[in-house]
C-alpha atoms as a PDB file:
ATOM      1  CA  MET A   1     205.513 137.467 133.187  1.00  0.00           C
ATOM      2  CA  GLU A   2     203.516 139.410 135.797  1.00  0.00           C
ATOM      3  CA  PHE A   3     200.093 139.583 136.528  1.00  0.00           C
ATOM      4  CA  SER A   4     198.057 142.121 138.501  1.00  0.00           C
ATOM      5  CA  ALA A   5     195.799 141.378 141.318  1.00  0.00           C
ATOM      6  CA  GLN A   6     192.718 142.303 139.167  1.00  0.00           C
ATOM      7  CA  MET A   7     193.989 139.790 136.355  1.00  0.00           C
ATOM      8  CA  ILE A   8     194.116 137.276 138.619  1.00  0.00           C
ATOM      9  CA  ALA A   9     190.509 137.966 140.215  1.00  0.00           C
ATOM     10  CA  GLY A  10     189.334 137.533 136.587  1.00  0.00           C
ATOM     11  CA  LEU A  11     190.934 134.128 136.063  1.00  0.00           C
ATOM     12  CA  VAL A  12     190.068 132.629 139.636  1.00  0.00           C
ATOM     13  CA  GLN A  13     186.311 134.650 139.911  1.00  0.00           C
ATOM     14  CA  GLY A  14     187.603 136.240 142.915  1.00  0.00           C
ATOM     15  CA  THR A  15     186.930 139.606 144.646  1.00  0.00           C
ATOM     16  CA  VAL A  16     190.294 142.049 145.204  1.00  0.00           C
ATOM     17  CA  VAL A  17     190.173 143.686 148.671  1.00  0.00           C
ATOM     18  CA  GLY A  18     193.588 146.313 148.679  1.00  0.00           C
ATOM     19  CA  ASN A  19     195.140 147.534 145.396  1.00  0.00           C
ATOM     20  CA  PRO A  20     194.050 145.868 141.880  1.00  0.00           C
ATOM     21  CA  GLU A  21     197.337 147.021 140.311  1.00  0.00           C
ATOM     22  CA  THR A  22     199.544 144.868 142.810  1.00  0.00           C
ATOM     23  CA  MET A  23     201.560 143.018 140.328  1.00  0.00           C
ATOM     24  CA  VAL A  24     202.924 139.485 141.238  1.00  0.00           C
ATOM     25  CA  SER A  25     205.393 137.026 139.192  1.00  0.00           C
ATOM     26  CA  ASP A  26     205.972 134.050 141.433  1.00  0.00           C
ATOM     27  CA  PHE A  27     204.479 131.877 143.871  1.00  0.00           C
ATOM     28  CA  ALA A  28     205.803 131.696 147.843  1.00  0.00           C
ATOM     29  CA  LYS A  29     204.497 129.746 150.830  1.00  0.00           C
ATOM     30  CA  ILE A  30     202.498 132.317 153.077  1.00  0.00           C
ATOM     31  CA  GLU A  31     205.085 131.699 155.837  1.00  0.00           C
ATOM     32  CA  GLU A  32     207.977 132.476 153.236  1.00  0.00           C
ATOM     33  CA  GLY A  33     206.267 135.470 151.149  1.00  0.00           C
ATOM     34  CA  ARG A  34     208.430 137.485 148.917  1.00  0.00           C
ATOM     35  CA  PRO A  35     207.481 140.693 147.715  1.00  0.00           C
ATOM     36  CA  GLY A  36     206.137 140.081 143.862  1.00  0.00           C
ATOM     37  CA  CYS A  37     204.665 136.537 144.922  1.00  0.00           C
ATOM     38  CA  ILE A  38     201.298 135.451 145.407  1.00  0.00           C
ATOM     39  CA  SER A  39     200.492 133.125 148.603  1.00  0.00           C
ATOM     40  CA  PHE A  40     197.371 131.489 149.861  1.00  0.00           C
ATOM     41  CA  LEU A  41     195.450 130.592 152.989  1.00  0.00           C
ATOM     42  CA  ALA A  42     192.891 127.644 153.286  1.00  0.00           C
ATOM     43  CA  ASN A  43     194.035 126.156 156.821  1.00  0.00           C
ATOM     44  CA  GLU A  44     193.199 128.441 159.772  1.00  0.00           C
ATOM     45  CA  LYS A  45     196.461 126.813 161.789  1.00  0.00           C
ATOM     46  CA  TYR A  46     198.318 129.310 159.029  1.00  0.00           C
ATOM     47  CA  GLU A  47     196.498 132.427 160.107  1.00  0.00           C
ATOM     48  CA  ASN A  48     199.143 133.914 161.970  1.00  0.00           C
ATOM     49  CA  TYR A  49     201.160 134.374 158.763  1.00  0.00           C
ATOM     50  CA  ILE A  50     199.067 136.460 156.933  1.00  0.00           C
ATOM     51  CA  TYR A  51     199.769 139.422 159.311  1.00  0.00           C
ATOM     52  CA  THR A  52     203.600 138.877 158.556  1.00  0.00           C
ATOM     53  CA  THR A  53     204.121 137.535 155.509  1.00  0.00           C
ATOM     54  CA  GLU A  54     205.704 139.744 152.885  1.00  0.00           C
ATOM     55  CA  SER A  55     203.785 138.342 149.662  1.00  0.00           C
ATOM     56  CA  SER A  56     202.074 141.010 147.598  1.00  0.00           C
ATOM     57  CA  ILE A  57     198.952 138.860 147.306  1.00  0.00           C
ATOM     58  CA  VAL A  58     197.078 136.430 148.877  1.00  0.00           C
ATOM     59  CA  LEU A  59     194.341 134.272 148.298  1.00  0.00           C
ATOM     60  CA  VAL A  60     191.568 133.661 151.126  1.00  0.00           C
ATOM     61  CA  ASN A  61     188.268 131.831 151.089  1.00  0.00           C
ATOM     62  CA  ASP A  62     185.314 133.902 151.406  1.00  0.00           C
ATOM     63  CA  SER A  63     184.649 133.429 154.512  1.00  0.00           C
ATOM     64  CA  PHE A  64     188.167 134.861 155.804  1.00  0.00           C
ATOM     65  CA  GLU A  65     187.839 137.837 157.953  1.00  0.00           C
ATOM     66  CA  PRO A  66     191.249 139.492 159.163  1.00  0.00           C
ATOM     67  CA  LYS A  67     191.543 140.286 162.809  1.00  0.00           C
ATOM     68  CA  SER A  68     194.266 143.091 162.327  1.00  0.00           C
ATOM     69  CA  GLU A  69     195.873 145.213 159.541  1.00  0.00           C
ATOM     70  CA  VAL A  70     196.623 142.523 156.404  1.00  0.00           C
ATOM     71  CA  LYS A  71     199.675 144.497 154.188  1.00  0.00           C
ATOM     72  CA  ALA A  72     199.131 142.361 151.569  1.00  0.00           C
ATOM     73  CA  THR A  73     196.066 142.638 148.487  1.00  0.00           C
ATOM     74  CA  LEU A  74     193.924 139.675 148.976  1.00  0.00           C
ATOM     75  CA  ILE A  75     192.075 138.072 146.576  1.00  0.00           C
ATOM     76  CA  LYS A  76     188.773 136.562 148.051  1.00  0.00           C
ATOM     77  CA  VAL A  77     187.967 133.441 146.530  1.00  0.00           C
ATOM     78  CA  ALA A  78     185.027 130.544 146.873  1.00  0.00           C
ATOM     79  CA  ASN A  79     188.051 127.867 147.830  1.00  0.00           C
ATOM     80  CA  ALA A  80     191.805 129.172 148.111  1.00  0.00           C
ATOM     81  CA  ARG A  81     193.238 126.091 147.505  1.00  0.00           C
ATOM     82  CA  GLU A  82     191.327 125.318 144.771  1.00  0.00           C
ATOM     83  CA  ALA A  83     192.337 128.679 143.101  1.00  0.00           C
ATOM     84  CA  VAL A  84     195.989 128.203 143.937  1.00  0.00           C
ATOM     85  CA  ALA A  85     195.874 124.920 142.286  1.00  0.00           C
ATOM     86  CA  GLN A  86     194.097 126.543 139.193  1.00  0.00           C
ATOM     87  CA  LEU A  87     196.636 128.939 139.104  1.00  0.00           C
ATOM     88  CA  ILE A  88     199.647 127.448 139.627  1.00  0.00           C
ATOM     89  CA  SER A  89     198.553 125.025 136.630  1.00  0.00           C
ATOM     90  CA  LEU A  90     197.755 127.766 134.235  1.00  0.00           C
ATOM     91  CA  TYR A  91     201.714 129.035 135.300  1.00  0.00           C
ATOM     92  CA  ALA A  92     202.884 125.461 134.349  1.00  0.00           C
ATOM     93  CA  SER A  93     201.266 125.223 130.865  1.00  0.00           C
ATOM     94  CA  MET A  94     203.009 128.521 129.957  1.00  0.00           C
ATOM     95  CA  LYS A  95     206.379 127.051 130.719  1.00  0.00           C
ATOM     96  CA  PRO A  96     208.109 125.592 126.983  1.00  0.00           C
ATOM     97  CA  LYS A  97     208.061 121.961 126.610  1.00  0.00           C
ATOM     98  CA  PRO A  98     211.171 120.124 125.410  1.00  0.00           C
ATOM     99  CA  LYS A  99     210.786 118.933 121.471  1.00  0.00           C
ATOM    100  CA  GLY A 100     213.145 116.856 119.448  1.00  0.00           C
ATOM    101  CA  ILE A 101     214.783 113.562 119.538  1.00  0.00           C
ATOM    102  CA  ASP A 102     218.106 113.058 120.908  1.00  0.00           C
ATOM    103  CA  SER A 103     220.895 111.294 119.007  1.00  0.00           C
ATOM    104  CA  SER A 104     221.634 108.592 121.597  1.00  0.00           C
ATOM    105  CA  ALA A 105     218.030 107.476 121.739  1.00  0.00           C
ATOM    106  CA  PHE A 106     217.287 104.090 120.053  1.00  0.00           C
ATOM    107  CA  ILE A 107     214.239 103.686 118.202  1.00  0.00           C
ATOM    108  CA  ASP A 108     212.859 100.470 116.591  1.00  0.00           C
ATOM    109  CA  PRO A 109     212.402 101.119 112.659  1.00  0.00           C
ATOM    110  CA  SER A 110     208.929  99.642 113.281  1.00  0.00           C
ATOM    111  CA  ALA A 111     208.116 101.722 115.868  1.00  0.00           C
ATOM    112  CA  GLN A 112     205.488 104.474 115.362  1.00  0.00           C
ATOM    113  CA  ILE A 113     206.772 108.027 116.443  1.00  0.00           C
ATOM    114  CA  GLY A 114     203.893 110.872 116.764  1.00  0.00           C
ATOM    115  CA  GLU A 115     204.360 114.543 116.147  1.00  0.00           C
ATOM    116  CA  ASN A 116     205.652 117.522 118.556  1.00  0.00           C
ATOM    117  CA  VAL A 117     207.691 114.844 120.691  1.00  0.00           C
ATOM    118  CA  TYR A 118     210.320 114.764 122.858  1.00  0.00           C
ATOM    119  CA  ILE A 119     212.491 111.804 123.258  1.00  0.00           C
ATOM    120  CA  GLY A 120     215.423 112.521 125.656  1.00  0.00           C
ATOM    121  CA  PRO A 121     218.853 110.785 125.775  1.00  0.00           C
ATOM    122  CA  PHE A 122     219.379 107.068 126.218  1.00  0.00           C
ATOM    123  CA  VAL A 123     215.528 106.698 125.375  1.00  0.00           C
ATOM    124  CA  ALA A 124     214.846 103.213 124.305  1.00  0.00           C
ATOM    125  CA  ILE A 125     211.725 102.090 121.920  1.00  0.00           C
ATOM    126  CA  GLY A 126     210.989  98.740 121.128  1.00  0.00           C
ATOM    127  CA  PRO A 127     209.449  96.985 117.945  1.00  0.00           C
ATOM    128  CA  LYS A 128     205.947  98.052 117.291  1.00  0.00           C
ATOM    129  CA  ALA A 129     205.642 100.548 119.757  1.00  0.00           C
ATOM    130  CA  VAL A 130     203.460 103.537 119.088  1.00  0.00           C
ATOM    131  CA  ILE A 131     203.922 106.707 121.096  1.00  0.00           C
ATOM    132  CA  GLY A 132     201.501 109.488 120.707  1.00  0.00           C
ATOM    133  CA  ASP A 133     201.677 113.049 119.632  1.00  0.00           C
ATOM    134  CA  GLY A 134     203.076 115.548 122.182  1.00  0.00           C
ATOM    135  CA  CYS A 135     204.465 112.897 124.481  1.00  0.00           C
ATOM    136  CA  ILE A 136     207.458 113.506 126.663  1.00  0.00           C
ATOM    137  CA  LEU A 137     209.986 110.500 127.167  1.00  0.00           C
ATOM    138  CA  HIS A 138     213.046 112.066 129.874  1.00  0.00           C
ATOM    139  CA  PRO A 139     216.417 110.058 129.398  1.00  0.00           C
ATOM    140  CA  HIS A 140     216.326 106.664 130.343  1.00  0.00           C
ATOM    141  CA  VAL A 141     212.830 105.621 129.660  1.00  0.00           C
ATOM    142  CA  THR A 142     212.115 102.324 128.267  1.00  0.00           C
ATOM    143  CA  ILE A 143     209.035 101.594 125.751  1.00  0.00           C
ATOM    144  CA  GLY A 144     208.576  97.651 125.035  1.00  0.00           C
ATOM    145  CA  ALA A 145     207.670  95.877 122.117  1.00  0.00           C
ATOM    146  CA  ASN A 146     203.590  96.732 121.245  1.00  0.00           C
ATOM    147  CA  VAL A 147     203.368  99.245 124.218  1.00  0.00           C
ATOM    148  CA  ARG A 148     200.790 101.507 122.842  1.00  0.00           C
ATOM    149  CA  ILE A 149     201.568 105.325 124.799  1.00  0.00           C
ATOM    150  CA  GLY A 150     198.766 107.748 124.016  1.00  0.00           C
ATOM    151  CA  LYS A 151     198.700 111.230 123.217  1.00  0.00           C
ATOM    152  CA  ASN A 152     200.375 113.941 125.869  1.00  0.00           C
ATOM    153  CA  THR A 153     202.026 111.517 128.112  1.00  0.00           C
ATOM    154  CA  GLU A 154     204.829 111.908 129.945  1.00  0.00           C
ATOM    155  CA  MET A 155     207.082 109.801 131.281  1.00  0.00           C
ATOM    156  CA  TYR A 156     210.091 110.790 133.292  1.00  0.00           C
ATOM    157  CA  ALA A 157     213.577 109.448 133.976  1.00  0.00           C
ATOM    158  CA  GLY A 158     214.206 106.018 134.053  1.00  0.00           C
ATOM    159  CA  SER A 159     210.563 104.915 134.233  1.00  0.00           C
ATOM    160  CA  VAL A 160     209.719 101.614 132.128  1.00  0.00           C
ATOM    161  CA  VAL A 161     206.633 100.387 130.182  1.00  0.00           C
ATOM    162  CA  TYR A 162     207.210  96.318 129.251  1.00  0.00           C
ATOM    163  CA  HIS A 163     206.099  94.823 126.326  1.00  0.00           C
ATOM    164  CA  ASP A 164     202.483  94.693 125.114  1.00  0.00           C
ATOM    165  CA  CYS A 165     201.132  97.046 127.772  1.00  0.00           C
ATOM    166  CA  LYS A 166     198.739 100.343 126.878  1.00  0.00           C
ATOM    167  CA  VAL A 167     199.143 103.982 128.715  1.00  0.00           C
ATOM    168  CA  GLY A 168     196.560 106.404 127.658  1.00  0.00           C
ATOM    169  CA  GLU A 169     196.593 109.996 127.036  1.00  0.00           C
ATOM    170  CA  ARG A 170     197.872 112.894 129.416  1.00  0.00           C
ATOM    171  CA  CYS A 171     199.616 110.223 132.040  1.00  0.00           C
ATOM    172  CA  ILE A 172     202.176 111.164 133.824  1.00  0.00           C
ATOM    173  CA  LEU A 173     204.697 108.309 134.977  1.00  0.00           C
ATOM    174  CA  HIS A 174     207.584 109.605 137.528  1.00  0.00           C
ATOM    175  CA  ALA A 175     210.924 108.619 137.669  1.00  0.00           C
ATOM    176  CA  GLY A 176     211.734 104.913 138.278  1.00  0.00           C
ATOM    177  CA  CYS A 177     207.787 103.620 138.046  1.00  0.00           C
ATOM    178  CA  VAL A 178     207.285  99.932 135.977  1.00  0.00           C
ATOM    179  CA  ILE A 179     204.461  99.547 134.767  1.00  0.00           C
ATOM    180  CA  GLY A 180     203.960  95.809 133.299  1.00  0.00           C
ATOM    181  CA  ALA A 181     206.144  93.517 135.273  1.00  0.00           C
ATOM    182  CA  ASP A 182     205.493  90.143 135.750  1.00  0.00           C
ATOM    183  CA  GLY A 183     202.766  89.572 138.497  1.00  0.00           C
ATOM    184  CA  PHE A 184     203.705  87.920 141.850  1.00  0.00           C
ATOM    185  CA  GLY A 185     202.731  84.388 140.520  1.00  0.00           C
ATOM    186  CA  PHE A 186     203.973  80.867 141.728  1.00  0.00           C
ATOM    187  CA  GLU A 187     202.902  77.660 142.190  1.00  0.00           C
ATOM    188  CA  PRO A 188     204.247  75.393 144.766  1.00  0.00           C
ATOM    189  CA  THR A 189     205.924  72.366 144.518  1.00  0.00           C
ATOM    190  CA  GLU A 190     208.120  69.551 146.063  1.00  0.00           C
ATOM    191  CA  ASP A 191     210.917  70.866 144.379  1.00  0.00           C
ATOM    192  CA  GLY A 192     210.579  75.168 145.202  1.00  0.00           C
ATOM    193  CA  TYR A 193     208.536  77.504 143.630  1.00  0.00           C
ATOM    194  CA  LYS A 194     207.575  77.230 139.881  1.00  0.00           C
ATOM    195  CA  LYS A 195     206.944  80.263 138.045  1.00  0.00           C
ATOM    196  CA  ILE A 196     203.512  80.861 136.545  1.00  0.00           C
ATOM    197  CA  PRO A 197     203.996  82.994 133.533  1.00  0.00           C
ATOM    198  CA  GLN A 198     201.913  86.109 133.401  1.00  0.00           C
ATOM    199  CA  ILE A 199     200.741  86.610 129.687  1.00  0.00           C
ATOM    200  CA  GLY A 200     198.168  89.314 130.472  1.00  0.00           C
ATOM    201  CA  ILE A 201     199.191  93.168 130.135  1.00  0.00           C
ATOM    202  CA  ALA A 202     198.609  96.094 132.185  1.00  0.00           C
ATOM    203  CA  VAL A 203     196.460  99.093 131.473  1.00  0.00           C
ATOM    204  CA  LEU A 204     196.482 102.662 132.381  1.00  0.00           C
ATOM    205  CA  GLU A 205     193.509 104.740 131.119  1.00  0.00           C
ATOM    206  CA  ASP A 206     193.758 108.372 130.459  1.00  0.00           C
ATOM    207  CA  ASP A 207     194.682 110.667 133.401  1.00  0.00           C
ATOM    208  CA  VAL A 208     196.322 108.614 135.116  1.00  0.00           C
ATOM    209  CA  GLU A 209     199.347 109.404 137.381  1.00  0.00           C
ATOM    210  CA  ILE A 210     201.645 107.114 138.757  1.00  0.00           C
ATOM    211  CA  GLY A 211     204.587 108.092 141.319  1.00  0.00           C
ATOM    212  CA  ALA A 212     208.033 107.175 141.671  1.00  0.00           C
ATOM    213  CA  ASN A 213     209.153 103.641 142.086  1.00  0.00           C
ATOM    214  CA  SER A 214     205.614 102.506 142.087  1.00  0.00           C
ATOM    215  CA  CYS A 215     204.691  99.163 140.144  1.00  0.00           C
ATOM    216  CA  VAL A 216     201.750  98.131 138.481  1.00  0.00           C
ATOM    217  CA  ASP A 217     202.151  94.610 137.472  1.00  0.00           C
ATOM    218  CA  ARG A 218     200.695  93.326 134.314  1.00  0.00           C
ATOM    219  CA  ALA A 219     198.149  90.257 134.884  1.00  0.00           C
ATOM    220  CA  MET A 220     198.373  86.317 134.534  1.00  0.00           C
ATOM    221  CA  LEU A 221     195.544  86.350 132.152  1.00  0.00           C
ATOM    222  CA  GLY A 222     193.694  89.209 130.774  1.00  0.00           C
ATOM    223  CA  GLU A 223     194.477  92.470 132.307  1.00  0.00           C
ATOM    224  CA  THR A 224     195.358  94.490 135.411  1.00  0.00           C
ATOM    225  CA  ILE A 225     193.311  97.828 134.902  1.00  0.00           C
ATOM    226  CA  THR A 226     194.063 101.226 136.043  1.00  0.00           C
ATOM    227  CA  ARG A 227     191.087 103.677 135.281  1.00  0.00           C
ATOM    228  CA  LYS A 228     190.636 107.179 134.465  1.00  0.00           C
ATOM    229  CA  GLY A 229     192.013 109.806 137.010  1.00  0.00           C
ATOM    230  CA  THR A 230     193.435 107.525 139.013  1.00  0.00           C
ATOM    231  CA  LYS A 231     196.550 108.891 141.130  1.00  0.00           C
ATOM    232  CA  LEU A 232     198.962 106.856 142.851  1.00  0.00           C
ATOM    233  CA  ASP A 233     201.681 108.106 145.387  1.00  0.00           C
ATOM    234  CA  ASN A 234     205.405 106.696 145.134  1.00  0.00           C
ATOM    235  CA  LEU A 235     206.420 103.334 146.329  1.00  0.00           C
ATOM    236  CA  VAL A 236     202.591 102.102 145.628  1.00  0.00           C
ATOM    237  CA  GLN A 237     202.030  98.296 144.508  1.00  0.00           C
ATOM    238  CA  ILE A 238     199.254  97.017 142.362  1.00  0.00           C
ATOM    239  CA  GLY A 239     199.404  93.444 142.149  1.00  0.00           C
ATOM    240  CA  HIS A 240     198.255  91.675 138.674  1.00  0.00           C
ATOM    241  CA  ASN A 241     194.531  91.278 137.739  1.00  0.00           C
ATOM    242  CA  CYS A 242     193.610  94.041 139.694  1.00  0.00           C
ATOM    243  CA  GLU A 243     191.313  96.725 138.728  1.00  0.00           C
ATOM    244  CA  ILE A 244     191.192 100.320 140.374  1.00  0.00           C
ATOM    245  CA  GLY A 245     188.091 102.111 140.017  1.00  0.00           C
ATOM    246  CA  THR A 246     188.205 105.792 138.199  1.00  0.00           C
ATOM    247  CA  HIS A 247     189.429 108.592 140.451  1.00  0.00           C
ATOM    248  CA  THR A 248     190.530 106.459 143.061  1.00  0.00           C
ATOM    249  CA  VAL A 249     194.041 107.915 145.188  1.00  0.00           C
ATOM    250  CA  MET A 250     196.425 106.169 146.898  1.00  0.00           C
ATOM    251  CA  SER A 251     199.348 107.413 149.425  1.00  0.00           C
ATOM    252  CA  ALA A 252     202.768 106.055 149.614  1.00  0.00           C
ATOM    253  CA  GLN A 253     203.425 102.290 150.014  1.00  0.00           C
ATOM    254  CA  VAL A 254     199.994 101.230 149.585  1.00  0.00           C
ATOM    255  CA  GLY A 255     199.943  97.329 148.872  1.00  0.00           C
ATOM    256  CA  VAL A 256     197.019  96.064 146.663  1.00  0.00           C
ATOM    257  CA  ALA A 257     197.301  91.974 146.763  1.00  0.00           C
ATOM    258  CA  GLY A 258     196.498  90.133 143.040  1.00  0.00           C
ATOM    259  CA  SER A 259     192.763  90.054 141.773  1.00  0.00           C
ATOM    260  CA  THR A 260     191.507  93.005 143.847  1.00  0.00           C
ATOM    261  CA  LYS A 261     188.694  95.028 142.512  1.00  0.00           C
ATOM    262  CA  VAL A 262     189.070  98.620 144.130  1.00  0.00           C
ATOM    263  CA  GLY A 263     185.896 100.915 143.353  1.00  0.00           C
ATOM    264  CA  GLN A 264     185.714 104.572 142.209  1.00  0.00           C
ATOM    265  CA  TRP A 265     186.533 107.517 144.359  1.00  0.00           C
ATOM    266  CA  CYS A 266     188.076 105.624 147.275  1.00  0.00           C
ATOM    267  CA  MET A 267     191.042 107.154 149.191  1.00  0.00           C
ATOM    268  CA  LEU A 268     193.984 104.863 150.473  1.00  0.00           C
ATOM    269  CA  GLY A 269     196.136 106.520 153.247  1.00  0.00           C
ATOM    270  CA  GLY A 270     199.716 105.390 153.448  1.00  0.00           C
ATOM    271  CA  GLN A 271     201.085 102.028 153.814  1.00  0.00           C
ATOM    272  CA  VAL A 272     197.372 100.632 153.532  1.00  0.00           C
ATOM    273  CA  GLY A 273     197.391  96.971 152.723  1.00  0.00           C
ATOM    274  CA  VAL A 274     194.718  95.141 151.198  1.00  0.00           C
ATOM    275  CA  ALA A 275     194.283  91.361 150.633  1.00  0.00           C
ATOM    276  CA  GLY A 276     193.799  89.366 147.483  1.00  0.00           C
ATOM    277  CA  HIS A 277     190.881  88.761 145.798  1.00  0.00           C
ATOM    278  CA  ALA A 278     188.807  91.271 147.431  1.00  0.00           C
ATOM    279  CA  THR A 279     186.351  94.015 146.431  1.00  0.00           C
ATOM    280  CA  ILE A 280     186.135  97.410 147.792  1.00  0.00           C
ATOM    281  CA  ALA A 281     183.101  99.481 147.506  1.00  0.00           C
ATOM    282  CA  ASP A 282     183.155 103.107 146.111  1.00  0.00           C
ATOM    283  CA  LYS A 283     184.009 105.816 147.930  1.00  0.00           C
ATOM    284  CA  THR A 284     185.742 103.831 150.857  1.00  0.00           C
ATOM    285  CA  MET A 285     188.061 105.951 152.534  1.00  0.00           C
ATOM    286  CA  VAL A 286     190.841 104.043 154.652  1.00  0.00           C
ATOM    287  CA  GLY A 287     193.200 105.543 157.322  1.00  0.00           C
ATOM    288  CA  ALA A 288     196.898 105.444 157.167  1.00  0.00           C
ATOM    289  CA  GLN A 289     198.660 101.601 158.288  1.00  0.00           C
ATOM    290  CA  SER A 290     195.183 100.005 158.131  1.00  0.00           C
ATOM    291  CA  GLY A 291     194.734  96.109 156.893  1.00  0.00           C
ATOM    292  CA  ILE A 292     191.679  94.978 154.551  1.00  0.00           C
ATOM    293  CA  PRO A 293     191.376  91.191 154.824  1.00  0.00           C
ATOM    294  CA  ASN A 294     188.488  90.863 152.981  1.00  0.00           C
ATOM    295  CA  ASN A 295     185.474  92.644 151.167  1.00  0.00           C
ATOM    296  CA  VAL A 296     184.289  96.138 151.913  1.00  0.00           C
ATOM    297  CA  LYS A 297     180.564  95.746 151.033  1.00  0.00           C
ATOM    298  CA  LYS A 298     178.849  99.058 152.142  1.00  0.00           C
ATOM    299  CA  PRO A 299     180.360 102.567 149.730  1.00  0.00           C
ATOM    300  CA  GLY A 300     181.341 105.511 151.568  1.00  0.00           C
ATOM    301  CA  GLN A 301     182.879 104.085 154.753  1.00  0.00           C
ATOM    302  CA  GLU A 302     185.470 105.454 156.538  1.00  0.00           C
ATOM    303  CA  LEU A 303     187.789 102.585 158.112  1.00  0.00           C
ATOM    304  CA  MET A 304     190.964 102.240 160.243  1.00  0.00           C
ATOM    305  CA  GLY A 305     192.847  99.978 161.621  1.00  0.00           C
ATOM    306  CA  THR A 306     193.895  96.026 161.173  1.00  0.00           C
ATOM    307  CA  PRO A 307     191.682  94.490 160.523  1.00  0.00           C
ATOM    308  CA  ALA A 308     190.148  97.720 159.397  1.00  0.00           C
ATOM    309  CA  ILE A 309     186.460  98.569 161.229  1.00  0.00           C
ATOM    310  CA  GLU A 310     184.455 101.748 160.395  1.00  0.00           C
END
């Protein structure tokens, strides 16, 4: 589909500078712009590209003033990054979603399958599992017994939800992630390490996204909880009995040891390690490769280093 600059400006509450009838049908990075594409400029480090880009339309912040001629039609908005995210979300929502159940999928007769779902090749769904309306399960997804998957959740190839665990609505589980594997619970004895059965569950609330090959372990007792709106990158490990607060984000290779509580709106950079049984205050921001050995009591701190300090 094609959209004019004027139509796009209406969608993002922007102002057109140039030809309002300029048409686009695709997106491109500003440095790789092509005719018929829309790009955006949100970081001044990339400003030089706006004078040479071949993109037909560029979203810019209201404060942007060109230093020389710009060939593209500009749309000025309050926040160019937010505006392009809004447009990409709209573009993605217009793509048709798969539906139907592949003949090679195994669905236990006692499972409950909602309406308008897609269940791809070699998906396995265990006894008494419940799959909500509008869910998309890509090939080789495995759903254990008594699992609950909320409406409009999408699980990519090879992702697994172990028995009894719960996944909320509109969640995204990327390829190879595992929800509800056993927590790392062992008791040292004279004969070696004795496994402590992990009989709790893992719970993902609504609008949670889990990256590829990330793991959220089930609790020893009770629940490991990932609260609403949390986003985990690839290769993230959440230990047993942890609680991750709402709208917290963690970059790749973060590891959170068992029974730790991370607050709301926290941001953990790549390879951050958090010790077990710690409590992290709301809105804590932690730089990459930092180590947190104990509690962070004061909200809103920016921490870095090992041990992490303000």
